[in-house]
Amino acid sequence: MLHDRGMQVMNVELVADAYAIAANYLRLSGALPETITPDERLVDVIVQLIHRGEFNKLRLANKAISMFEMAYAA
């Protein structure tokens, strides 16, 4: 999954940490359903932000939450 996006191995932990933070918030707010599989849309948002140069996991999660809510939350 991440390899297909051209990411380096060292960023896998960053993506996983930011995803865990963002997904937890979005699930609690009702914007994401409770599922075992990762939401590809949220992963894509996080990967986009990393490609733009964001590497702080908390800022990354917060920006991903905002972008996800604007694009996908009803």
C-alpha atoms as a PDB file:
ATOM      1  CA  MET A   1       0.000   0.000   0.000  1.00  0.00           C
ATOM      2  CA  LEU A   2       2.544   2.620   1.067  1.00  0.00           C
ATOM      3  CA  HIS A   3       5.184   1.257  -1.269  1.00  0.00           C
ATOM      4  CA  ASP A   4       2.863   1.899  -4.213  1.00  0.00           C
ATOM      5  CA  ARG A   5       2.798   5.574  -3.313  1.00  0.00           C
ATOM      6  CA  GLY A   6       6.579   5.870  -3.574  1.00  0.00           C
ATOM      7  CA  MET A   7       7.148   6.396   0.146  1.00  0.00           C
ATOM      8  CA  GLN A   8      10.360   5.622   1.936  1.00  0.00           C
ATOM      9  CA  VAL A   9      10.319   2.922   4.600  1.00  0.00           C
ATOM     10  CA  MET A  10      11.224   5.400   7.349  1.00  0.00           C
ATOM     11  CA  ASN A  11       7.903   7.205   6.838  1.00  0.00           C
ATOM     12  CA  VAL A  12       5.755   4.132   7.506  1.00  0.00           C
ATOM     13  CA  GLU A  13       5.828   4.724  11.259  1.00  0.00           C
ATOM     14  CA  LEU A  14       4.970   8.397  10.762  1.00  0.00           C
ATOM     15  CA  VAL A  15       1.986   7.513   8.571  1.00  0.00           C
ATOM     16  CA  ALA A  16       0.843   4.857  11.050  1.00  0.00           C
ATOM     17  CA  ASP A  17       1.104   7.210  14.039  1.00  0.00           C
ATOM     18  CA  ALA A  18      -0.670  10.090  12.290  1.00  0.00           C
ATOM     19  CA  TYR A  19      -3.341   7.724  10.982  1.00  0.00           C
ATOM     20  CA  ALA A  20      -3.969   6.280  14.452  1.00  0.00           C
ATOM     21  CA  ILE A  21      -4.445   9.749  15.939  1.00  0.00           C
ATOM     22  CA  ALA A  22      -6.641  11.042  13.115  1.00  0.00           C
ATOM     23  CA  ALA A  23      -8.722   7.866  12.748  1.00  0.00           C
ATOM     24  CA  ASN A  24      -9.360   7.682  16.486  1.00  0.00           C
ATOM     25  CA  TYR A  25     -10.692  11.243  16.504  1.00  0.00           C
ATOM     26  CA  LEU A  26     -12.755  10.746  13.344  1.00  0.00           C
ATOM     27  CA  ARG A  27     -14.277   7.516  14.671  1.00  0.00           C
ATOM     28  CA  LEU A  28     -15.215   9.170  17.956  1.00  0.00           C
ATOM     29  CA  SER A  29     -16.786  12.072  16.070  1.00  0.00           C
ATOM     30  CA  GLY A  30     -18.740   9.695  13.823  1.00  0.00           C
ATOM     31  CA  ALA A  31     -17.011  10.728  10.598  1.00  0.00           C
ATOM     32  CA  LEU A  32     -15.423   7.274  10.167  1.00  0.00           C
ATOM     33  CA  PRO A  33     -17.136   3.942  10.771  1.00  0.00           C
ATOM     34  CA  GLU A  34     -15.710   1.411  13.219  1.00  0.00           C
ATOM     35  CA  THR A  35     -13.817  -0.947  10.895  1.00  0.00           C
ATOM     36  CA  ILE A  36     -10.662  -3.003  11.081  1.00  0.00           C
ATOM     37  CA  THR A  37      -9.326  -1.954   7.686  1.00  0.00           C
ATOM     38  CA  PRO A  38      -7.702   1.454   7.237  1.00  0.00           C
ATOM     39  CA  ASP A  39      -9.669   4.104   5.394  1.00  0.00           C
ATOM     40  CA  GLU A  40      -7.835   4.659   2.110  1.00  0.00           C
ATOM     41  CA  ARG A  41      -9.112   8.231   1.812  1.00  0.00           C
ATOM     42  CA  LEU A  42      -7.530   9.186   5.139  1.00  0.00           C
ATOM     43  CA  VAL A  43      -4.280   7.416   4.233  1.00  0.00           C
ATOM     44  CA  ASP A  44      -4.209   9.335   0.949  1.00  0.00           C
ATOM     45  CA  VAL A  45      -4.686  12.658   2.760  1.00  0.00           C
ATOM     46  CA  ILE A  46      -1.817  11.860   5.144  1.00  0.00           C
ATOM     47  CA  VAL A  47       0.459  10.811   2.280  1.00  0.00           C
ATOM     48  CA  GLN A  48      -0.351  14.035   0.402  1.00  0.00           C
ATOM     49  CA  LEU A  49       0.611  16.084   3.447  1.00  0.00           C
ATOM     50  CA  ILE A  50       3.906  14.220   3.838  1.00  0.00           C
ATOM     51  CA  HIS A  51       4.704  14.838   0.191  1.00  0.00           C
ATOM     52  CA  ARG A  52       4.102  18.547   0.879  1.00  0.00           C
ATOM     53  CA  GLY A  53       6.726  18.428   3.624  1.00  0.00           C
ATOM     54  CA  GLU A  54       4.792  17.905   6.861  1.00  0.00           C
ATOM     55  CA  PHE A  55       6.645  15.508   9.166  1.00  0.00           C
ATOM     56  CA  ASN A  56       5.341  16.346  12.652  1.00  0.00           C
ATOM     57  CA  LYS A  57       2.857  13.581  13.500  1.00  0.00           C
ATOM     58  CA  LEU A  58       0.508  15.746  15.571  1.00  0.00           C
ATOM     59  CA  ARG A  59       0.361  18.534  13.003  1.00  0.00           C
ATOM     60  CA  LEU A  60       0.006  15.897  10.306  1.00  0.00           C
ATOM     61  CA  ALA A  61      -2.931  14.269  12.122  1.00  0.00           C
ATOM     62  CA  ASN A  62      -4.647  17.607  12.780  1.00  0.00           C
ATOM     63  CA  LYS A  63      -4.301  18.747   9.173  1.00  0.00           C
ATOM     64  CA  ALA A  64      -5.488  15.352   7.938  1.00  0.00           C
ATOM     65  CA  ILE A  65      -8.550  15.558  10.193  1.00  0.00           C
ATOM     66  CA  SER A  66      -9.408  19.023   8.846  1.00  0.00           C
ATOM     67  CA  MET A  67      -8.915  18.024   5.234  1.00  0.00           C
ATOM     68  CA  PHE A  68     -10.855  14.774   5.676  1.00  0.00           C
ATOM     69  CA  GLU A  69     -13.778  16.528   7.352  1.00  0.00           C
ATOM     70  CA  MET A  70     -13.936  19.170   4.627  1.00  0.00           C
ATOM     71  CA  ALA A  71     -13.808  16.599   1.841  1.00  0.00           C
ATOM     72  CA  TYR A  72     -15.741  13.592   3.164  1.00  0.00           C
ATOM     73  CA  ALA A  73     -17.696  14.306   6.329  1.00  0.00           C
ATOM     74  CA  ALA A  74     -21.370  14.982   5.876  1.00  0.00           C
END
